Amino acid sequence: MDFLHKAEIFAKAEYADNLQDGVVLMLSFDQLTPEEIRNLKVEDVETLTDRLSNETMKIIKGAVEESKYIEVSDCGDHSSKYELKQNEYVVRGAEDGKVSEQELHRRAQKIFNNYIYKDVTLADIRDAGKNNK
């Protein structure tokens, strides 16, 4: 997707209702696969500094510090909040352990469904990252 640029992805990630969602965009843009994202532990982030942008590192810090997740309905209403499980992973959910790959895709879609670009996938975001490096 040639129309997605780093500044645009970063803005969507930084101003998302949840940095837990935004971090998925940034990690995808920096070429991590969904499997790498869902397996990324906080302790491993420093080993990836050569692969991750400064913007991504900033979003990771905020995502790790988040304790609540805001559910947003399709029409953009904030419908409920729930506690994020504290565990060793960067991307977390309400359950113990890793989030599913489907959850990663859902989080990225949620951000883009409120904007002009519908049906953007994590693969589209990775492709944009390849083309904007």
Protein backbone atom coordinates (compact mmCIF):
# COMPACT_ATOMS: atom_id res chain seq x y z
CA MET A 1 0.00 0.00 0.00
CA ASP A 2 1.92 2.96 -1.29
CA PHE A 3 -0.40 5.44 0.39
CA LEU A 4 0.59 4.44 3.94
CA HIS A 5 3.59 6.40 5.17
CA LYS A 6 5.58 6.20 8.37
CA ALA A 7 4.29 9.52 9.74
CA GLU A 8 0.71 8.42 9.14
CA ILE A 9 1.19 5.02 10.77
CA PHE A 10 2.94 6.63 13.74
CA ALA A 11 0.18 9.21 14.17
CA LYS A 12 -2.48 6.48 14.16
CA ALA A 13 -0.44 4.41 16.61
CA GLU A 14 0.38 7.30 18.95
CA TYR A 15 -3.19 8.61 19.11
CA ALA A 16 -5.00 5.26 19.18
CA ASP A 17 -7.43 4.72 22.05
CA ASN A 18 -5.00 2.07 23.28
CA LEU A 19 -1.23 2.05 22.81
CA GLN A 20 -1.64 -1.73 22.98
CA ASP A 21 -3.27 -1.38 19.54
CA GLY A 22 -0.81 1.21 18.28
CA VAL A 23 2.19 -0.93 19.09
CA VAL A 24 0.87 -3.64 16.76
CA LEU A 25 0.93 -1.13 13.87
CA MET A 26 4.42 0.09 14.64
CA LEU A 27 5.91 -3.37 15.08
CA SER A 28 4.34 -4.46 11.78
CA PHE A 29 5.68 -1.36 10.03
CA ASP A 30 9.14 -2.23 11.40
CA GLN A 31 8.82 -5.64 9.70
CA LEU A 32 7.95 -7.93 12.60
CA THR A 33 5.60 -10.74 11.65
CA PRO A 34 2.41 -11.40 13.62
CA GLU A 35 4.12 -14.40 15.23
CA GLU A 36 7.08 -12.25 16.31
CA ILE A 37 4.73 -9.57 17.67
CA ARG A 38 2.67 -11.95 19.77
CA ASN A 39 5.83 -13.62 21.13
CA LEU A 40 7.68 -10.36 21.87
CA LYS A 41 8.57 -10.14 25.54
CA VAL A 42 9.47 -6.90 27.28
CA GLU A 43 12.90 -8.27 28.15
CA ASP A 44 13.61 -8.95 24.46
CA VAL A 45 12.87 -5.43 23.17
CA GLU A 46 16.44 -4.17 23.71
CA THR A 47 17.78 -6.95 21.47
CA LEU A 48 15.69 -5.56 18.59
CA THR A 49 16.86 -1.94 18.67
CA ASP A 50 18.55 -2.38 15.28
CA ARG A 51 15.16 -3.40 13.77
CA LEU A 52 12.89 -0.95 15.59
CA SER A 53 12.49 2.76 14.96
CA ASN A 54 12.69 5.36 17.73
CA GLU A 55 8.96 5.94 17.23
CA THR A 56 8.26 2.25 17.82
CA MET A 57 10.38 2.23 20.96
CA LYS A 58 8.32 5.16 22.28
CA ILE A 59 5.03 3.35 21.57
CA ILE A 60 6.36 0.14 23.17
CA LYS A 61 7.16 2.02 26.37
CA GLY A 62 3.62 3.40 26.56
CA ALA A 63 2.02 0.07 25.65
CA VAL A 64 3.93 -1.76 28.38
CA GLU A 65 2.79 0.82 30.94
CA GLU A 66 -0.93 0.56 29.99
CA SER A 67 -3.03 -1.19 32.59
CA LYS A 68 -6.52 -0.77 31.09
CA TYR A 69 -7.85 -1.51 27.62
CA ILE A 70 -10.69 0.56 26.16
CA GLU A 71 -13.13 -1.34 23.95
CA VAL A 72 -14.35 0.87 21.13
CA SER A 73 -17.49 0.02 19.18
CA ASP A 74 -17.61 0.13 15.37
CA CYS A 75 -19.20 3.58 15.54
CA GLY A 76 -16.33 4.91 17.66
CA ASP A 77 -18.05 4.90 21.06
CA HIS A 78 -15.99 3.91 24.09
CA SER A 79 -18.13 1.06 25.33
CA SER A 80 -16.13 -0.47 28.19
CA LYS A 81 -12.74 -0.84 29.84
CA TYR A 82 -11.05 -3.93 31.15
CA GLU A 83 -7.86 -4.67 33.02
CA LEU A 84 -4.90 -5.84 30.98
CA LYS A 85 -3.13 -8.84 32.44
CA GLN A 86 0.33 -7.98 33.65
CA ASN A 87 2.70 -10.46 32.08
CA GLU A 88 6.02 -10.57 30.23
CA TYR A 89 4.61 -9.79 26.76
CA VAL A 90 4.55 -6.37 25.08
CA VAL A 91 1.10 -6.99 23.55
CA ARG A 92 -1.32 -8.13 26.24
CA GLY A 93 -5.00 -8.86 26.67
CA ALA A 94 -7.47 -9.69 29.42
CA GLU A 95 -6.33 -13.32 29.51
CA ASP A 96 -3.03 -14.75 30.71
CA GLY A 97 -0.45 -15.55 28.07
CA LYS A 98 -0.03 -14.31 24.53
CA VAL A 99 -2.72 -12.68 22.45
CA SER A 100 -3.84 -14.62 19.40
CA GLU A 101 -2.83 -13.73 15.87
CA GLN A 102 -6.50 -12.98 15.15
CA GLU A 103 -6.47 -10.46 18.01
CA LEU A 104 -3.48 -8.68 16.46
CA HIS A 105 -5.33 -8.37 13.16
CA ARG A 106 -8.49 -7.20 14.93
CA ARG A 107 -6.57 -4.47 16.76
CA ALA A 108 -5.01 -3.13 13.56
CA GLN A 109 -8.36 -3.24 11.77
CA LYS A 110 -10.02 -1.38 14.63
CA ILE A 111 -7.67 1.58 14.21
CA PHE A 112 -8.10 1.76 10.46
CA ASN A 113 -11.85 1.17 10.42
CA ASN A 114 -12.29 4.61 11.99
CA TYR A 115 -10.33 6.23 9.15
CA ILE A 116 -10.56 6.55 5.41
CA TYR A 117 -8.62 3.30 4.76
CA LYS A 118 -10.78 0.26 5.37
CA ASP A 119 -9.61 -3.35 5.32
CA VAL A 120 -5.93 -2.56 5.92
CA THR A 121 -4.09 -5.70 7.02
CA LEU A 122 -0.89 -6.25 8.95
CA ALA A 123 0.68 -7.44 5.68
CA ASP A 124 -0.26 -4.09 4.09
CA ILE A 125 1.42 -2.27 6.97
CA ARG A 126 4.58 -4.43 6.67
CA ASP A 127 4.64 -3.75 2.91
CA ALA A 128 4.33 -0.02 3.58
CA GLY A 129 7.25 -0.30 5.98
CA LYS A 130 9.40 -2.00 3.33
CA ASN A 131 8.58 0.75 0.87
CA ASN A 132 9.17 3.62 3.30
CA LYS A 133 12.52 2.68 4.82
